[in-house]
Amino acid sequence: MSITQETRREAYYEIQTETPKRRKMIYQALREGGPQTAHELMERLGFSDPNAVRPRLTELKACGLVRAVGRRKNPKTGQSGAVWEAIIPE
């Protein structure tokens, strides 16, 4: 196996162990902090890249745990993003 393949494999397994933790963090942040955009969640949780949050929101949506409830502009960038809220299962 080449070094590149080995590095990719290590990164893949590292991401797999972080994904459930990150999903849980994002869901909890939405439950506690109310509806937020991916950028707001990124800042709240201390990530430097919104892509640390966006894929997890997609996964949570597929699980029926979050939903998009509107759009909001980011005051820093002026870009509009979906506002997400947690769905609390009964």
N, C-alpha and C. Protein backbone atom coordinates (compact mmCIF):
# COMPACT_ATOMS: atom_id res chain seq x y z
N MET A 1 0.85 -1.17 0.00
CA MET A 1 0.00 0.00 0.00
C MET A 1 0.90 1.24 0.00
N SER A 2 0.56 2.23 -0.84
CA SER A 2 1.37 3.44 -0.90
C SER A 2 1.12 4.32 0.32
N ILE A 3 2.01 5.25 0.54
CA ILE A 3 1.86 6.16 1.67
C ILE A 3 0.59 6.98 1.52
N THR A 4 0.28 7.40 0.30
CA THR A 4 -0.94 8.18 0.06
C THR A 4 -2.18 7.38 0.42
N GLN A 5 -2.23 6.13 -0.01
CA GLN A 5 -3.38 5.29 0.32
C GLN A 5 -3.48 5.07 1.83
N GLU A 6 -2.35 4.86 2.46
CA GLU A 6 -2.34 4.64 3.90
C GLU A 6 -2.82 5.90 4.64
N THR A 7 -2.37 7.07 4.20
CA THR A 7 -2.78 8.32 4.82
C THR A 7 -4.27 8.55 4.63
N ARG A 8 -4.77 8.27 3.44
CA ARG A 8 -6.20 8.41 3.18
C ARG A 8 -7.01 7.47 4.06
N ARG A 9 -6.54 6.26 4.20
CA ARG A 9 -7.24 5.29 5.03
C ARG A 9 -7.28 5.74 6.49
N GLU A 10 -6.14 6.25 6.99
CA GLU A 10 -6.09 6.75 8.36
C GLU A 10 -7.05 7.91 8.54
N ALA A 11 -7.09 8.83 7.58
CA ALA A 11 -7.99 9.99 7.66
C ALA A 11 -9.44 9.53 7.64
N TYR A 12 -9.74 8.55 6.80
CA TYR A 12 -11.11 8.03 6.72
C TYR A 12 -11.55 7.47 8.06
N TYR A 13 -10.73 6.64 8.69
CA TYR A 13 -11.10 6.06 9.98
C TYR A 13 -11.17 7.10 11.08
N GLU A 14 -10.32 8.11 11.01
CA GLU A 14 -10.37 9.18 11.99
C GLU A 14 -11.69 9.94 11.87
N ILE A 15 -12.10 10.24 10.65
CA ILE A 15 -13.38 10.93 10.43
C ILE A 15 -14.53 10.08 10.92
N GLN A 16 -14.49 8.79 10.68
CA GLN A 16 -15.58 7.91 11.10
C GLN A 16 -15.77 7.92 12.61
N THR A 17 -14.70 8.04 13.36
CA THR A 17 -14.84 8.06 14.81
C THR A 17 -15.29 9.43 15.31
N GLU A 18 -14.98 10.50 14.57
CA GLU A 18 -15.37 11.85 14.96
C GLU A 18 -16.81 12.17 14.56
N THR A 19 -17.31 11.56 13.50
CA THR A 19 -18.64 11.90 12.97
C THR A 19 -19.75 11.75 13.99
N PRO A 20 -19.90 10.63 14.68
CA PRO A 20 -21.00 10.53 15.65
C PRO A 20 -20.89 11.57 16.78
N LYS A 21 -19.69 11.86 17.23
CA LYS A 21 -19.50 12.86 18.28
C LYS A 21 -19.94 14.24 17.79
N ARG A 22 -19.53 14.57 16.58
CA ARG A 22 -19.85 15.87 16.02
C ARG A 22 -21.36 16.01 15.78
N ARG A 23 -21.96 14.94 15.28
CA ARG A 23 -23.43 14.95 15.08
C ARG A 23 -24.13 15.23 16.41
N LYS A 24 -23.69 14.56 17.46
CA LYS A 24 -24.29 14.73 18.78
C LYS A 24 -24.09 16.16 19.28
N MET A 25 -22.90 16.71 19.09
CA MET A 25 -22.62 18.09 19.50
C MET A 25 -23.53 19.08 18.79
N ILE A 26 -23.71 18.89 17.49
CA ILE A 26 -24.53 19.80 16.69
C ILE A 26 -25.98 19.70 17.10
N TYR A 27 -26.47 18.48 17.27
CA TYR A 27 -27.86 18.29 17.68
C TYR A 27 -28.10 18.93 19.05
N GLN A 28 -27.19 18.72 19.98
CA GLN A 28 -27.32 19.30 21.32
C GLN A 28 -27.28 20.82 21.26
N ALA A 29 -26.42 21.38 20.42
CA ALA A 29 -26.33 22.84 20.28
C ALA A 29 -27.63 23.41 19.75
N LEU A 30 -28.29 22.71 18.83
CA LEU A 30 -29.57 23.17 18.31
C LEU A 30 -30.67 23.05 19.37
N ARG A 31 -30.64 21.98 20.13
CA ARG A 31 -31.64 21.81 21.20
C ARG A 31 -31.50 22.89 22.26
N GLU A 32 -30.27 23.20 22.64
CA GLU A 32 -30.03 24.16 23.71
C GLU A 32 -30.09 25.62 23.23
N GLY A 33 -29.61 25.87 22.01
CA GLY A 33 -29.48 27.25 21.54
C GLY A 33 -30.56 27.69 20.57
N GLY A 34 -31.47 26.78 20.23
CA GLY A 34 -32.52 27.13 19.28
C GLY A 34 -32.03 27.14 17.85
N PRO A 35 -32.88 27.55 16.93
CA PRO A 35 -32.54 27.52 15.50
C PRO A 35 -31.29 28.34 15.18
N GLN A 36 -30.42 27.75 14.34
CA GLN A 36 -29.16 28.38 13.96
C GLN A 36 -28.77 27.97 12.55
N THR A 37 -27.93 28.78 11.93
CA THR A 37 -27.38 28.44 10.62
C THR A 37 -26.13 27.58 10.83
N ALA A 38 -25.65 26.98 9.76
CA ALA A 38 -24.42 26.18 9.84
C ALA A 38 -23.26 27.05 10.30
N HIS A 39 -23.20 28.29 9.82
CA HIS A 39 -22.12 29.19 10.21
C HIS A 39 -22.20 29.54 11.69
N GLU A 40 -23.40 29.77 12.19
CA GLU A 40 -23.58 30.07 13.62
C GLU A 40 -23.18 28.86 14.47
N LEU A 41 -23.56 27.67 14.01
CA LEU A 41 -23.18 26.45 14.74
C LEU A 41 -21.66 26.28 14.74
N MET A 42 -21.05 26.54 13.59
CA MET A 42 -19.60 26.42 13.47
C MET A 42 -18.92 27.31 14.51
N GLU A 43 -19.36 28.56 14.59
CA GLU A 43 -18.75 29.49 15.55
C GLU A 43 -19.04 29.06 16.99
N ARG A 44 -20.27 28.66 17.26
CA ARG A 44 -20.66 28.26 18.62
C ARG A 44 -19.83 27.08 19.12
N LEU A 45 -19.56 26.13 18.19
CA LEU A 45 -18.85 24.91 18.58
C LEU A 45 -17.34 25.02 18.44
N GLY A 46 -16.86 26.16 17.94
CA GLY A 46 -15.42 26.38 17.87
C GLY A 46 -14.73 25.79 16.66
N PHE A 47 -15.47 25.50 15.60
CA PHE A 47 -14.86 25.00 14.37
C PHE A 47 -14.45 26.18 13.50
N SER A 48 -13.44 25.98 12.67
CA SER A 48 -12.99 27.06 11.78
C SER A 48 -13.53 26.90 10.37
N ASP A 49 -14.18 25.78 10.09
CA ASP A 49 -14.67 25.50 8.75
C ASP A 49 -16.13 25.08 8.83
N PRO A 50 -17.04 25.76 8.10
CA PRO A 50 -18.44 25.37 8.15
C PRO A 50 -18.68 23.95 7.61
N ASN A 51 -17.73 23.42 6.84
CA ASN A 51 -17.87 22.05 6.36
C ASN A 51 -17.69 21.03 7.47
N ALA A 52 -17.31 21.47 8.64
CA ALA A 52 -17.29 20.57 9.81
C ALA A 52 -18.71 20.35 10.31
N VAL A 53 -19.63 21.23 9.91
CA VAL A 53 -21.01 21.19 10.40
C VAL A 53 -21.99 20.74 9.31
N ARG A 54 -21.85 21.25 8.11
CA ARG A 54 -22.84 21.02 7.05
C ARG A 54 -23.14 19.55 6.77
N PRO A 55 -22.13 18.69 6.59
CA PRO A 55 -22.44 17.28 6.33
C PRO A 55 -23.19 16.62 7.48
N ARG A 56 -22.86 17.02 8.70
CA ARG A 56 -23.55 16.45 9.86
C ARG A 56 -25.01 16.90 9.90
N LEU A 57 -25.29 18.13 9.48
CA LEU A 57 -26.68 18.59 9.41
C LEU A 57 -27.46 17.77 8.39
N THR A 58 -26.82 17.47 7.27
CA THR A 58 -27.47 16.63 6.25
C THR A 58 -27.78 15.25 6.82
N GLU A 59 -26.85 14.69 7.56
CA GLU A 59 -27.07 13.37 8.18
C GLU A 59 -28.19 13.44 9.23
N LEU A 60 -28.19 14.48 10.05
CA LEU A 60 -29.23 14.63 11.05
C LEU A 60 -30.60 14.82 10.40
N LYS A 61 -30.64 15.53 9.29
CA LYS A 61 -31.90 15.71 8.55
C LYS A 61 -32.39 14.36 8.04
N ALA A 62 -31.49 13.55 7.49
CA ALA A 62 -31.86 12.22 6.99
C ALA A 62 -32.39 11.33 8.10
N CYS A 63 -31.92 11.55 9.32
CA CYS A 63 -32.39 10.77 10.47
C CYS A 63 -33.68 11.34 11.06
N GLY A 64 -34.13 12.48 10.54
CA GLY A 64 -35.35 13.10 11.05
C GLY A 64 -35.16 13.83 12.37
N LEU A 65 -33.93 14.26 12.66
CA LEU A 65 -33.65 14.94 13.93
C LEU A 65 -33.55 16.45 13.80
N VAL A 66 -33.37 16.96 12.58
CA VAL A 66 -33.36 18.41 12.36
C VAL A 66 -34.14 18.73 11.10
N ARG A 67 -34.55 19.99 10.99
CA ARG A 67 -35.22 20.45 9.76
C ARG A 67 -34.84 21.91 9.53
N ALA A 68 -34.86 22.29 8.26
CA ALA A 68 -34.62 23.68 7.88
C ALA A 68 -35.93 24.43 8.07
N VAL A 69 -35.87 25.58 8.73
CA VAL A 69 -37.08 26.33 9.05
C VAL A 69 -37.08 27.73 8.45
N GLY A 70 -36.08 28.04 7.67
CA GLY A 70 -36.02 29.36 7.05
C GLY A 70 -34.62 29.67 6.58
N ARG A 71 -34.40 30.96 6.29
CA ARG A 71 -33.10 31.42 5.85
C ARG A 71 -32.74 32.67 6.64
N ARG A 72 -31.42 32.88 6.83
CA ARG A 72 -30.97 34.07 7.55
C ARG A 72 -29.65 34.52 6.94
N LYS A 73 -29.46 35.84 6.84
CA LYS A 73 -28.20 36.37 6.32
C LYS A 73 -27.15 36.39 7.40
N ASN A 74 -25.93 36.05 7.00
CA ASN A 74 -24.79 36.15 7.89
C ASN A 74 -24.37 37.62 7.92
N PRO A 75 -24.37 38.26 9.08
CA PRO A 75 -24.03 39.69 9.13
C PRO A 75 -22.60 40.00 8.69
N LYS A 76 -21.70 39.03 8.80
CA LYS A 76 -20.29 39.25 8.43
C LYS A 76 -20.08 39.15 6.92
N THR A 77 -20.75 38.16 6.28
CA THR A 77 -20.51 37.92 4.86
C THR A 77 -21.65 38.39 3.97
N GLY A 78 -22.83 38.57 4.54
CA GLY A 78 -23.99 38.95 3.74
C GLY A 78 -24.63 37.79 3.01
N GLN A 79 -24.04 36.60 3.13
CA GLN A 79 -24.59 35.42 2.47
C GLN A 79 -25.75 34.85 3.28
N SER A 80 -26.71 34.32 2.56
CA SER A 80 -27.88 33.74 3.20
C SER A 80 -27.67 32.24 3.38
N GLY A 81 -28.11 31.72 4.52
CA GLY A 81 -27.98 30.29 4.80
C GLY A 81 -29.23 29.74 5.47
N ALA A 82 -29.42 28.45 5.35
CA ALA A 82 -30.57 27.80 5.97
C ALA A 82 -30.46 27.88 7.49
N VAL A 83 -31.59 28.07 8.11
CA VAL A 83 -31.68 28.04 9.58
C VAL A 83 -32.23 26.67 9.96
N TRP A 84 -31.52 25.99 10.85
CA TRP A 84 -31.86 24.63 11.26
C TRP A 84 -32.40 24.62 12.67
N GLU A 85 -33.36 23.73 12.92
CA GLU A 85 -33.84 23.53 14.29
C GLU A 85 -33.88 22.05 14.59
N ALA A 86 -33.72 21.74 15.87
CA ALA A 86 -33.78 20.34 16.31
C ALA A 86 -35.23 19.88 16.39
N ILE A 87 -35.46 18.65 16.00
CA ILE A 87 -36.76 18.01 16.19
C ILE A 87 -36.58 17.08 17.37
N ILE A 88 -37.38 17.29 18.38
CA ILE A 88 -37.25 16.48 19.59
C ILE A 88 -38.21 15.29 19.48
N PRO A 89 -37.65 14.06 19.39
CA PRO A 89 -38.51 12.88 19.24
C PRO A 89 -39.38 12.68 20.48
N GLU A 90 -40.56 12.17 20.25
CA GLU A 90 -41.48 11.90 21.36
C GLU A 90 -41.32 10.50 21.87
